[in-house]
């Protein structure tokens, strides 16, 4: 099920998801750190986060995009809270919550 989220607050119970998909979301958020912390809380231990972001051309086509993410920026943003376990050339990263919260 898709859920609209406002103000970086995720209205879900702690450890309630085994996987989450954020496809073309991060580039619309100016300061995503609080959202990443919320995601970590609602993922179960060893839960999976799948992230998709646009490439440079796709980023430039939408005036609502606030931040461009290449692979290094995504890794820097997420590896503080989550563990990178896989990525592919389409700028999709797969992180796993190994800490339980």
PDB file of N, CA and C in Angstrom:
ATOM      1  N   UNK A   1       0.832  -1.188   0.000  1.00  0.00           N
ATOM      2  CA  UNK A   1       0.000   0.000   0.000  1.00  0.00           C
ATOM      3  C   UNK A   1       0.869   1.240   0.000  1.00  0.00           C
ATOM      4  N   UNK A   2       0.468   2.237  -0.733  1.00  0.00           N
ATOM      5  CA  UNK A   2       1.179   3.516  -0.743  1.00  0.00           C
ATOM      6  C   UNK A   2       0.558   4.423   0.321  1.00  0.00           C
ATOM      7  N   UNK A   3       1.403   5.189   0.991  1.00  0.00           N
ATOM      8  CA  UNK A   3       0.943   6.111   2.021  1.00  0.00           C
ATOM      9  C   UNK A   3       1.589   7.454   1.803  1.00  0.00           C
ATOM     10  N   UNK A   4       0.796   8.505   1.830  1.00  0.00           N
ATOM     11  CA  UNK A   4       1.332   9.856   1.708  1.00  0.00           C
ATOM     12  C   UNK A   4       1.888  10.268   3.066  1.00  0.00           C
ATOM     13  N   UNK A   5       3.108  10.788   3.060  1.00  0.00           N
ATOM     14  CA  UNK A   5       3.786  11.181   4.289  1.00  0.00           C
ATOM     15  C   UNK A   5       3.995  12.685   4.282  1.00  0.00           C
ATOM     16  N   UNK A   6       3.644  13.341   5.362  1.00  0.00           N
ATOM     17  CA  UNK A   6       3.866  14.776   5.496  1.00  0.00           C
ATOM     18  C   UNK A   6       4.802  15.046   6.660  1.00  0.00           C
ATOM     19  N   UNK A   7       5.644  16.061   6.513  1.00  0.00           N
ATOM     20  CA  UNK A   7       6.530  16.531   7.587  1.00  0.00           C
ATOM     21  C   UNK A   7       7.483  15.471   8.115  1.00  0.00           C
ATOM     22  N   UNK A   8       7.907  14.560   7.247  1.00  0.00           N
ATOM     23  CA  UNK A   8       8.885  13.532   7.619  1.00  0.00           C
ATOM     24  C   UNK A   8       8.459  12.679   8.803  1.00  0.00           C
ATOM     25  N   UNK A   9       7.159  12.606   9.089  1.00  0.00           N
ATOM     26  CA  UNK A   9       6.677  11.741  10.167  1.00  0.00           C
ATOM     27  C   UNK A   9       6.027  10.518   9.551  1.00  0.00           C
ATOM     28  N   UNK A  10       6.526   9.347   9.897  1.00  0.00           N
ATOM     29  CA  UNK A  10       5.971   8.105   9.374  1.00  0.00           C
ATOM     30  C   UNK A  10       5.019   7.520  10.412  1.00  0.00           C
ATOM     31  N   UNK A  11       3.725   7.465  10.104  1.00  0.00           N
ATOM     32  CA  UNK A  11       2.719   7.047  11.093  1.00  0.00           C
ATOM     33  C   UNK A  11       2.596   5.527  11.222  1.00  0.00           C
ATOM     34  N   UNK A  12       3.713   4.863  11.508  1.00  0.00           N
ATOM     35  CA  UNK A  12       3.724   3.406  11.601  1.00  0.00           C
ATOM     36  C   UNK A  12       4.403   2.979  12.891  1.00  0.00           C
ATOM     37  N   UNK A  13       4.091   1.779  13.330  1.00  0.00           N
ATOM     38  CA  UNK A  13       4.687   1.231  14.543  1.00  0.00           C
ATOM     39  C   UNK A  13       6.157   0.903  14.324  1.00  0.00           C
ATOM     40  N   UNK A  14       6.910   0.934  15.408  1.00  0.00           N
ATOM     41  CA  UNK A  14       8.328   0.558  15.362  1.00  0.00           C
ATOM     42  C   UNK A  14       8.435  -0.896  14.912  1.00  0.00           C
ATOM     43  N   UNK A  15       9.419  -1.148  14.041  1.00  0.00           N
ATOM     44  CA  UNK A  15       9.708  -2.486  13.513  1.00  0.00           C
ATOM     45  C   UNK A  15       8.484  -3.112  12.846  1.00  0.00           C
ATOM     46  N   UNK A  16       7.779  -2.353  12.032  1.00  0.00           N
ATOM     47  CA  UNK A  16       6.559  -2.867  11.406  1.00  0.00           C
ATOM     48  C   UNK A  16       6.720  -3.229   9.928  1.00  0.00           C
ATOM     49  N   UNK A  17       7.889  -2.996   9.334  1.00  0.00           N
ATOM     50  CA  UNK A  17       8.098  -3.297   7.914  1.00  0.00           C
ATOM     51  C   UNK A  17       9.348  -4.145   7.716  1.00  0.00           C
ATOM     52  N   UNK A  18       9.240  -5.137   6.833  1.00  0.00           N
ATOM     53  CA  UNK A  18      10.437  -5.892   6.468  1.00  0.00           C
ATOM     54  C   UNK A  18      11.108  -5.298   5.242  1.00  0.00           C
ATOM     55  N   UNK A  19      10.389  -4.439   4.497  1.00  0.00           N
ATOM     56  CA  UNK A  19      10.999  -3.736   3.372  1.00  0.00           C
ATOM     57  C   UNK A  19      10.227  -2.444   3.097  1.00  0.00           C
ATOM     58  N   UNK A  20      10.947  -1.469   2.562  1.00  0.00           N
ATOM     59  CA  UNK A  20      10.369  -0.188   2.159  1.00  0.00           C
ATOM     60  C   UNK A  20      10.964   0.207   0.816  1.00  0.00           C
ATOM     61  N   UNK A  21      10.154   0.861  -0.013  1.00  0.00           N
ATOM     62  CA  UNK A  21      10.619   1.366  -1.301  1.00  0.00           C
ATOM     63  C   UNK A  21      10.390   2.870  -1.328  1.00  0.00           C
ATOM     64  N   UNK A  22      11.448   3.615  -1.612  1.00  0.00           N
ATOM     65  CA  UNK A  22      11.361   5.059  -1.838  1.00  0.00           C
ATOM     66  C   UNK A  22      11.869   5.308  -3.252  1.00  0.00           C
ATOM     67  N   UNK A  23      10.959   5.414  -4.181  1.00  0.00           N
ATOM     68  CA  UNK A  23      11.339   5.615  -5.570  1.00  0.00           C
ATOM     69  C   UNK A  23      11.010   7.053  -5.969  1.00  0.00           C
ATOM     70  N   UNK A  24      12.036   7.802  -6.294  1.00  0.00           N
ATOM     71  CA  UNK A  24      11.906   9.209  -6.671  1.00  0.00           C
ATOM     72  C   UNK A  24      11.263  10.036  -5.561  1.00  0.00           C
ATOM     73  N   UNK A  25      11.798   9.878  -4.360  1.00  0.00           N
ATOM     74  CA  UNK A  25      11.326  10.601  -3.177  1.00  0.00           C
ATOM     75  C   UNK A  25      12.415  11.513  -2.623  1.00  0.00           C
ATOM     76  N   UNK A  26      13.602  10.966  -2.383  1.00  0.00           N
ATOM     77  CA  UNK A  26      14.667  11.710  -1.687  1.00  0.00           C
ATOM     78  C   UNK A  26      15.013  13.043  -2.331  1.00  0.00           C
ATOM     79  N   UNK A  27      14.996  13.096  -3.640  1.00  0.00           N
ATOM     80  CA  UNK A  27      15.389  14.333  -4.330  1.00  0.00           C
ATOM     81  C   UNK A  27      14.397  15.474  -4.096  1.00  0.00           C
ATOM     82  N   UNK A  28      13.240  15.167  -3.537  1.00  0.00           N
ATOM     83  CA  UNK A  28      12.229  16.188  -3.245  1.00  0.00           C
ATOM     84  C   UNK A  28      12.329  16.718  -1.812  1.00  0.00           C
ATOM     85  N   UNK A  29      13.243  16.177  -1.017  1.00  0.00           N
ATOM     86  CA  UNK A  29      13.354  16.534   0.406  1.00  0.00           C
ATOM     87  C   UNK A  29      14.655  17.285   0.631  1.00  0.00           C
ATOM     88  N   UNK A  30      14.548  18.478   1.170  1.00  0.00           N
ATOM     89  CA  UNK A  30      15.738  19.311   1.396  1.00  0.00           C
ATOM     90  C   UNK A  30      16.657  18.723   2.473  1.00  0.00           C
ATOM     91  N   UNK A  31      16.079  18.299   3.589  1.00  0.00           N
ATOM     92  CA  UNK A  31      16.863  17.743   4.703  1.00  0.00           C
ATOM     93  C   UNK A  31      16.296  16.374   5.085  1.00  0.00           C
ATOM     94  N   UNK A  32      16.783  15.291   4.466  1.00  0.00           N
ATOM     95  CA  UNK A  32      16.178  13.976   4.663  1.00  0.00           C
ATOM     96  C   UNK A  32      16.660  13.209   5.897  1.00  0.00           C
ATOM     97  N   UNK A  33      17.555  13.778   6.698  1.00  0.00           N
ATOM     98  CA  UNK A  33      18.120  13.023   7.820  1.00  0.00           C
ATOM     99  C   UNK A  33      17.058  12.514   8.789  1.00  0.00           C
ATOM    100  N   UNK A  34      16.081  13.349   9.158  1.00  0.00           N
ATOM    101  CA  UNK A  34      15.031  12.902  10.075  1.00  0.00           C
ATOM    102  C   UNK A  34      14.210  11.766   9.471  1.00  0.00           C
ATOM    103  N   UNK A  35      13.951  11.845   8.172  1.00  0.00           N
ATOM    104  CA  UNK A  35      13.205  10.783   7.504  1.00  0.00           C
ATOM    105  C   UNK A  35      13.978   9.465   7.544  1.00  0.00           C
ATOM    106  N   UNK A  36      15.275   9.505   7.329  1.00  0.00           N
ATOM    107  CA  UNK A  36      16.094   8.292   7.364  1.00  0.00           C
ATOM    108  C   UNK A  36      16.060   7.673   8.759  1.00  0.00           C
ATOM    109  N   UNK A  37      16.103   8.485   9.793  1.00  0.00           N
ATOM    110  CA  UNK A  37      16.024   7.981  11.168  1.00  0.00           C
ATOM    111  C   UNK A  37      14.664   7.330  11.413  1.00  0.00           C
ATOM    112  N   UNK A  38      13.593   7.943  10.912  1.00  0.00           N
ATOM    113  CA  UNK A  38      12.248   7.356  11.045  1.00  0.00           C
ATOM    114  C   UNK A  38      12.174   6.008  10.317  1.00  0.00           C
ATOM    115  N   UNK A  39      12.758   5.951   9.128  1.00  0.00           N
ATOM    116  CA  UNK A  39      12.755   4.705   8.357  1.00  0.00           C
ATOM    117  C   UNK A  39      13.474   3.610   9.119  1.00  0.00           C
ATOM    118  N   UNK A  40      14.590   3.957   9.704  1.00  0.00           N
ATOM    119  CA  UNK A  40      15.352   2.972  10.478  1.00  0.00           C
ATOM    120  C   UNK A  40      14.507   2.408  11.616  1.00  0.00           C
ATOM    121  N   UNK A  41      13.694   3.230  12.241  1.00  0.00           N
ATOM    122  CA  UNK A  41      12.861   2.785  13.359  1.00  0.00           C
ATOM    123  C   UNK A  41      11.745   1.845  12.930  1.00  0.00           C
ATOM    124  N   UNK A  42      11.177   2.068  11.753  1.00  0.00           N
ATOM    125  CA  UNK A  42      10.039   1.235  11.355  1.00  0.00           C
ATOM    126  C   UNK A  42      10.449  -0.029  10.593  1.00  0.00           C
ATOM    127  N   UNK A  43      11.714  -0.113  10.185  1.00  0.00           N
ATOM    128  CA  UNK A  43      12.217  -1.341   9.560  1.00  0.00           C
ATOM    129  C   UNK A  43      12.559  -2.364  10.641  1.00  0.00           C
ATOM    130  N   UNK A  44      12.216  -3.622  10.378  1.00  0.00           N
ATOM    131  CA  UNK A  44      12.630  -4.675  11.298  1.00  0.00           C
ATOM    132  C   UNK A  44      14.144  -4.872  11.199  1.00  0.00           C
ATOM    133  N   UNK A  45      14.713  -5.601  12.150  1.00  0.00           N
ATOM    134  CA  UNK A  45      16.130  -5.959  12.058  1.00  0.00           C
ATOM    135  C   UNK A  45      16.314  -6.744  10.764  1.00  0.00           C
ATOM    136  N   UNK A  46      17.333  -6.413  10.016  1.00  0.00           N
ATOM    137  CA  UNK A  46      17.619  -6.990   8.697  1.00  0.00           C
ATOM    138  C   UNK A  46      16.583  -6.596   7.645  1.00  0.00           C
ATOM    139  N   UNK A  47      15.767  -5.561   7.931  1.00  0.00           N
ATOM    140  CA  UNK A  47      14.813  -5.054   6.951  1.00  0.00           C
ATOM    141  C   UNK A  47      15.540  -4.390   5.781  1.00  0.00           C
ATOM    142  N   UNK A  48      14.871  -4.287   4.665  1.00  0.00           N
ATOM    143  CA  UNK A  48      15.468  -3.810   3.422  1.00  0.00           C
ATOM    144  C   UNK A  48      14.841  -2.477   3.001  1.00  0.00           C
ATOM    145  N   UNK A  49      15.688  -1.527   2.622  1.00  0.00           N
ATOM    146  CA  UNK A  49      15.254  -0.248   2.070  1.00  0.00           C
ATOM    147  C   UNK A  49      15.745  -0.159   0.630  1.00  0.00           C
ATOM    148  N   UNK A  50      14.830   0.018  -0.292  1.00  0.00           N
ATOM    149  CA  UNK A  50      15.163   0.163  -1.712  1.00  0.00           C
ATOM    150  C   UNK A  50      14.915   1.614  -2.096  1.00  0.00           C
ATOM    151  N   UNK A  51      15.938   2.243  -2.697  1.00  0.00           N
ATOM    152  CA  UNK A  51      15.856   3.661  -3.040  1.00  0.00           C
ATOM    153  C   UNK A  51      16.133   3.851  -4.521  1.00  0.00           C
ATOM    154  N   UNK A  52      15.288   4.637  -5.164  1.00  0.00           N
ATOM    155  CA  UNK A  52      15.516   5.020  -6.547  1.00  0.00           C
ATOM    156  C   UNK A  52      15.557   6.541  -6.641  1.00  0.00           C
ATOM    157  N   UNK A  53      16.532   7.065  -7.341  1.00  0.00           N
ATOM    158  CA  UNK A  53      16.642   8.509  -7.564  1.00  0.00           C
ATOM    159  C   UNK A  53      16.885   8.747  -9.043  1.00  0.00           C
ATOM    160  N   UNK A  54      16.502   9.927  -9.551  1.00  0.00           N
ATOM    161  CA  UNK A  54      16.734  10.200 -10.969  1.00  0.00           C
ATOM    162  C   UNK A  54      18.209  10.457 -11.252  1.00  0.00           C
ATOM    163  N   UNK A  55      18.591  10.222 -12.488  1.00  0.00           N
ATOM    164  CA  UNK A  55      19.916  10.618 -12.929  1.00  0.00           C
ATOM    165  C   UNK A  55      19.966  12.132 -13.113  1.00  0.00           C
ATOM    166  N   UNK A  56      21.081  12.614 -13.550  1.00  0.00           N
ATOM    167  CA  UNK A  56      21.274  14.063 -13.672  1.00  0.00           C
ATOM    168  C   UNK A  56      20.254  14.712 -14.615  1.00  0.00           C
ATOM    169  N   UNK A  57      19.999  14.109 -15.753  1.00  0.00           N
ATOM    170  CA  UNK A  57      19.037  14.689 -16.697  1.00  0.00           C
ATOM    171  C   UNK A  57      17.626  14.689 -16.125  1.00  0.00           C
ATOM    172  N   UNK A  58      17.225  13.591 -15.492  1.00  0.00           N
ATOM    173  CA  UNK A  58      15.907  13.527 -14.879  1.00  0.00           C
ATOM    174  C   UNK A  58      15.766  14.524 -13.738  1.00  0.00           C
ATOM    175  N   UNK A  59      16.841  14.705 -12.989  1.00  0.00           N
ATOM    176  CA  UNK A  59      16.827  15.667 -11.891  1.00  0.00           C
ATOM    177  C   UNK A  59      16.570  17.079 -12.414  1.00  0.00           C
ATOM    178  N   UNK A  60      17.221  17.442 -13.504  1.00  0.00           N
ATOM    179  CA  UNK A  60      17.122  18.795 -14.048  1.00  0.00           C
ATOM    180  C   UNK A  60      15.746  19.088 -14.652  1.00  0.00           C
ATOM    181  N   UNK A  61      14.966  18.072 -14.972  1.00  0.00           N
ATOM    182  CA  UNK A  61      13.673  18.272 -15.634  1.00  0.00           C
ATOM    183  C   UNK A  61      12.540  18.644 -14.687  1.00  0.00           C
ATOM    184  N   UNK A  62      12.731  18.512 -13.386  1.00  0.00           N
ATOM    185  CA  UNK A  62      11.654  18.781 -12.429  1.00  0.00           C
ATOM    186  C   UNK A  62      12.072  19.900 -11.486  1.00  0.00           C
ATOM    187  N   UNK A  63      11.354  21.011 -11.528  1.00  0.00           N
ATOM    188  CA  UNK A  63      11.702  22.172 -10.696  1.00  0.00           C
ATOM    189  C   UNK A  63      11.466  21.914  -9.216  1.00  0.00           C
ATOM    190  N   UNK A  64      10.712  20.870  -8.871  1.00  0.00           N
ATOM    191  CA  UNK A  64      10.468  20.532  -7.469  1.00  0.00           C
ATOM    192  C   UNK A  64      11.630  19.752  -6.845  1.00  0.00           C
ATOM    193  N   UNK A  65      12.569  19.298  -7.641  1.00  0.00           N
ATOM    194  CA  UNK A  65      13.721  18.575  -7.094  1.00  0.00           C
ATOM    195  C   UNK A  65      14.590  19.541  -6.292  1.00  0.00           C
ATOM    196  N   UNK A  66      14.960  19.122  -5.104  1.00  0.00           N
ATOM    197  CA  UNK A  66      15.720  19.984  -4.207  1.00  0.00           C
ATOM    198  C   UNK A  66      17.183  19.581  -4.068  1.00  0.00           C
ATOM    199  N   UNK A  67      17.474  18.278  -4.191  1.00  0.00           N
ATOM    200  CA  UNK A  67      18.846  17.782  -4.033  1.00  0.00           C
ATOM    201  C   UNK A  67      19.117  16.696  -5.049  1.00  0.00           C
ATOM    202  N   UNK A  68      20.293  16.796  -5.673  1.00  0.00           N
ATOM    203  CA  UNK A  68      20.715  15.751  -6.597  1.00  0.00           C
ATOM    204  C   UNK A  68      21.556  14.736  -5.836  1.00  0.00           C
ATOM    205  N   UNK A  69      21.278  13.460  -6.060  1.00  0.00           N
ATOM    206  CA  UNK A  69      22.036  12.388  -5.407  1.00  0.00           C
ATOM    207  C   UNK A  69      22.712  11.522  -6.447  1.00  0.00           C
ATOM    208  N   UNK A  70      24.032  11.466  -6.357  1.00  0.00           N
ATOM    209  CA  UNK A  70      24.752  10.446  -7.100  1.00  0.00           C
ATOM    210  C   UNK A  70      25.032   9.319  -6.103  1.00  0.00           C
ATOM    211  N   UNK A  71      25.708   8.295  -6.543  1.00  0.00           N
ATOM    212  CA  UNK A  71      25.963   7.137  -5.684  1.00  0.00           C
ATOM    213  C   UNK A  71      26.682   7.540  -4.399  1.00  0.00           C
ATOM    214  N   UNK A  72      27.718   8.360  -4.516  1.00  0.00           N
ATOM    215  CA  UNK A  72      28.496   8.734  -3.328  1.00  0.00           C
ATOM    216  C   UNK A  72      27.666   9.535  -2.325  1.00  0.00           C
ATOM    217  N   UNK A  73      26.809  10.422  -2.803  1.00  0.00           N
ATOM    218  CA  UNK A  73      25.966  11.206  -1.890  1.00  0.00           C
ATOM    219  C   UNK A  73      24.940  10.320  -1.185  1.00  0.00           C
ATOM    220  N   UNK A  74      24.379   9.355  -1.900  1.00  0.00           N
ATOM    221  CA  UNK A  74      23.433   8.431  -1.274  1.00  0.00           C
ATOM    222  C   UNK A  74      24.117   7.591  -0.206  1.00  0.00           C
ATOM    223  N   UNK A  75      25.280   7.077  -0.532  1.00  0.00           N
ATOM    224  CA  UNK A  75      26.011   6.264   0.439  1.00  0.00           C
ATOM    225  C   UNK A  75      26.338   7.093   1.672  1.00  0.00           C
ATOM    226  N   UNK A  76      26.810   8.316   1.483  1.00  0.00           N
ATOM    227  CA  UNK A  76      27.154   9.177   2.609  1.00  0.00           C
ATOM    228  C   UNK A  76      25.927   9.458   3.484  1.00  0.00           C
ATOM    229  N   UNK A  77      24.789   9.735   2.862  1.00  0.00           N
ATOM    230  CA  UNK A  77      23.567  10.028   3.602  1.00  0.00           C
ATOM    231  C   UNK A  77      23.093   8.820   4.407  1.00  0.00           C
ATOM    232  N   UNK A  78      23.154   7.646   3.820  1.00  0.00           N
ATOM    233  CA  UNK A  78      22.496   6.486   4.411  1.00  0.00           C
ATOM    234  C   UNK A  78      23.387   5.582   5.240  1.00  0.00           C
ATOM    235  N   UNK A  79      24.672   5.541   4.965  1.00  0.00           N
ATOM    236  CA  UNK A  79      25.492   4.540   5.649  1.00  0.00           C
ATOM    237  C   UNK A  79      25.714   4.850   7.125  1.00  0.00           C
ATOM    238  N   UNK A  80      25.461   6.058   7.538  1.00  0.00           N
ATOM    239  CA  UNK A  80      25.557   6.396   8.955  1.00  0.00           C
ATOM    240  C   UNK A  80      24.503   5.634   9.768  1.00  0.00           C
ATOM    241  N   UNK A  81      23.318   5.443   9.189  1.00  0.00           N
ATOM    242  CA  UNK A  81      22.215   4.798   9.900  1.00  0.00           C
ATOM    243  C   UNK A  81      21.964   3.356   9.459  1.00  0.00           C
ATOM    244  N   UNK A  82      22.308   3.025   8.215  1.00  0.00           N
ATOM    245  CA  UNK A  82      21.985   1.713   7.656  1.00  0.00           C
ATOM    246  C   UNK A  82      23.220   1.125   6.985  1.00  0.00           C
ATOM    247  N   UNK A  83      23.190  -0.184   6.728  1.00  0.00           N
ATOM    248  CA  UNK A  83      24.332  -0.867   6.127  1.00  0.00           C
ATOM    249  C   UNK A  83      24.056  -1.170   4.659  1.00  0.00           C
ATOM    250  N   UNK A  84      24.907  -0.657   3.767  1.00  0.00           N
ATOM    251  CA  UNK A  84      24.774  -0.902   2.336  1.00  0.00           C
ATOM    252  C   UNK A  84      25.079  -2.365   2.053  1.00  0.00           C
ATOM    253  N   UNK A  85      24.139  -3.048   1.361  1.00  0.00           N
ATOM    254  CA  UNK A  85      24.395  -4.448   1.028  1.00  0.00           C
ATOM    255  C   UNK A  85      24.405  -4.712  -0.479  1.00  0.00           C
ATOM    256  N   UNK A  86      23.918  -3.747  -1.291  1.00  0.00           N
ATOM    257  CA  UNK A  86      23.896  -3.960  -2.736  1.00  0.00           C
ATOM    258  C   UNK A  86      23.579  -2.649  -3.442  1.00  0.00           C
ATOM    259  N   UNK A  87      24.135  -2.451  -4.627  1.00  0.00           N
ATOM    260  CA  UNK A  87      23.734  -1.334  -5.480  1.00  0.00           C
ATOM    261  C   UNK A  87      23.936  -1.731  -6.927  1.00  0.00           C
ATOM    262  N   UNK A  88      23.192  -1.069  -7.833  1.00  0.00           N
ATOM    263  CA  UNK A  88      23.409  -1.340  -9.246  1.00  0.00           C
ATOM    264  C   UNK A  88      23.647  -0.034  -9.984  1.00  0.00           C
ATOM    265  N   UNK A  89      23.871  -0.117 -11.261  1.00  0.00           N
ATOM    266  CA  UNK A  89      24.279   1.045 -12.045  1.00  0.00           C
ATOM    267  C   UNK A  89      23.152   2.039 -12.300  1.00  0.00           C
ATOM    268  N   UNK A  90      21.944   1.733 -11.908  1.00  0.00           N
ATOM    269  CA  UNK A  90      20.829   2.652 -12.107  1.00  0.00           C
ATOM    270  C   UNK A  90      20.591   3.536 -10.898  1.00  0.00           C
ATOM    271  N   UNK A  91      21.560   3.648 -10.040  1.00  0.00           N
ATOM    272  CA  UNK A  91      21.500   4.436  -8.819  1.00  0.00           C
ATOM    273  C   UNK A  91      20.412   3.944  -7.874  1.00  0.00           C
ATOM    274  N   UNK A  92      20.227   2.637  -7.809  1.00  0.00           N
ATOM    275  CA  UNK A  92      19.368   2.048  -6.797  1.00  0.00           C
ATOM    276  C   UNK A  92      20.284   1.457  -5.741  1.00  0.00           C
ATOM    277  N   UNK A  93      20.011   1.766  -4.500  1.00  0.00           N
ATOM    278  CA  UNK A  93      20.804   1.236  -3.399  1.00  0.00           C
ATOM    279  C   UNK A  93      19.906   0.397  -2.515  1.00  0.00           C
ATOM    280  N   UNK A  94      20.442  -0.663  -1.952  1.00  0.00           N
ATOM    281  CA  UNK A  94      19.705  -1.525  -1.064  1.00  0.00           C
ATOM    282  C   UNK A  94      20.411  -1.521   0.274  1.00  0.00           C
ATOM    283  N   UNK A  95      19.730  -1.067   1.310  1.00  0.00           N
ATOM    284  CA  UNK A  95      20.308  -0.998   2.645  1.00  0.00           C
ATOM    285  C   UNK A  95      19.570  -1.939   3.560  1.00  0.00           C
ATOM    286  N   UNK A  96      20.258  -2.413   4.591  1.00  0.00           N
ATOM    287  CA  UNK A  96      19.670  -3.327   5.551  1.00  0.00           C
ATOM    288  C   UNK A  96      19.843  -2.756   6.949  1.00  0.00           C
ATOM    289  N   UNK A  97      18.782  -2.796   7.740  1.00  0.00           N
ATOM    290  CA  UNK A  97      18.836  -2.339   9.119  1.00  0.00           C
ATOM    291  C   UNK A  97      19.280  -3.500   9.994  1.00  0.00           C
ATOM    292  N   UNK A  98      20.552  -3.514  10.382  1.00  0.00           N
ATOM    293  CA  UNK A  98      21.079  -4.622  11.174  1.00  0.00           C
ATOM    294  C   UNK A  98      21.063  -4.341  12.664  1.00  0.00           C
ATOM    295  N   UNK A  99      20.643  -3.163  13.071  1.00  0.00           N
ATOM    296  CA  UNK A  99      20.684  -2.794  14.479  1.00  0.00           C
ATOM    297  C   UNK A  99      19.352  -2.991  15.195  1.00  0.00           C
ATOM    298  N   UNK A 100      18.286  -3.242  14.488  1.00  0.00           N
ATOM    299  CA  UNK A 100      17.005  -3.423  15.135  1.00  0.00           C
ATOM    300  C   UNK A 100      16.286  -2.117  15.430  1.00  0.00           C
ATOM    301  N   UNK A 101      16.979  -1.022  15.542  1.00  0.00           N
ATOM    302  CA  UNK A 101      16.408   0.339  15.661  1.00  0.00           C
ATOM    303  C   UNK A 101      17.495   1.318  15.285  1.00  0.00           C
TER     304      UNK A 101
END
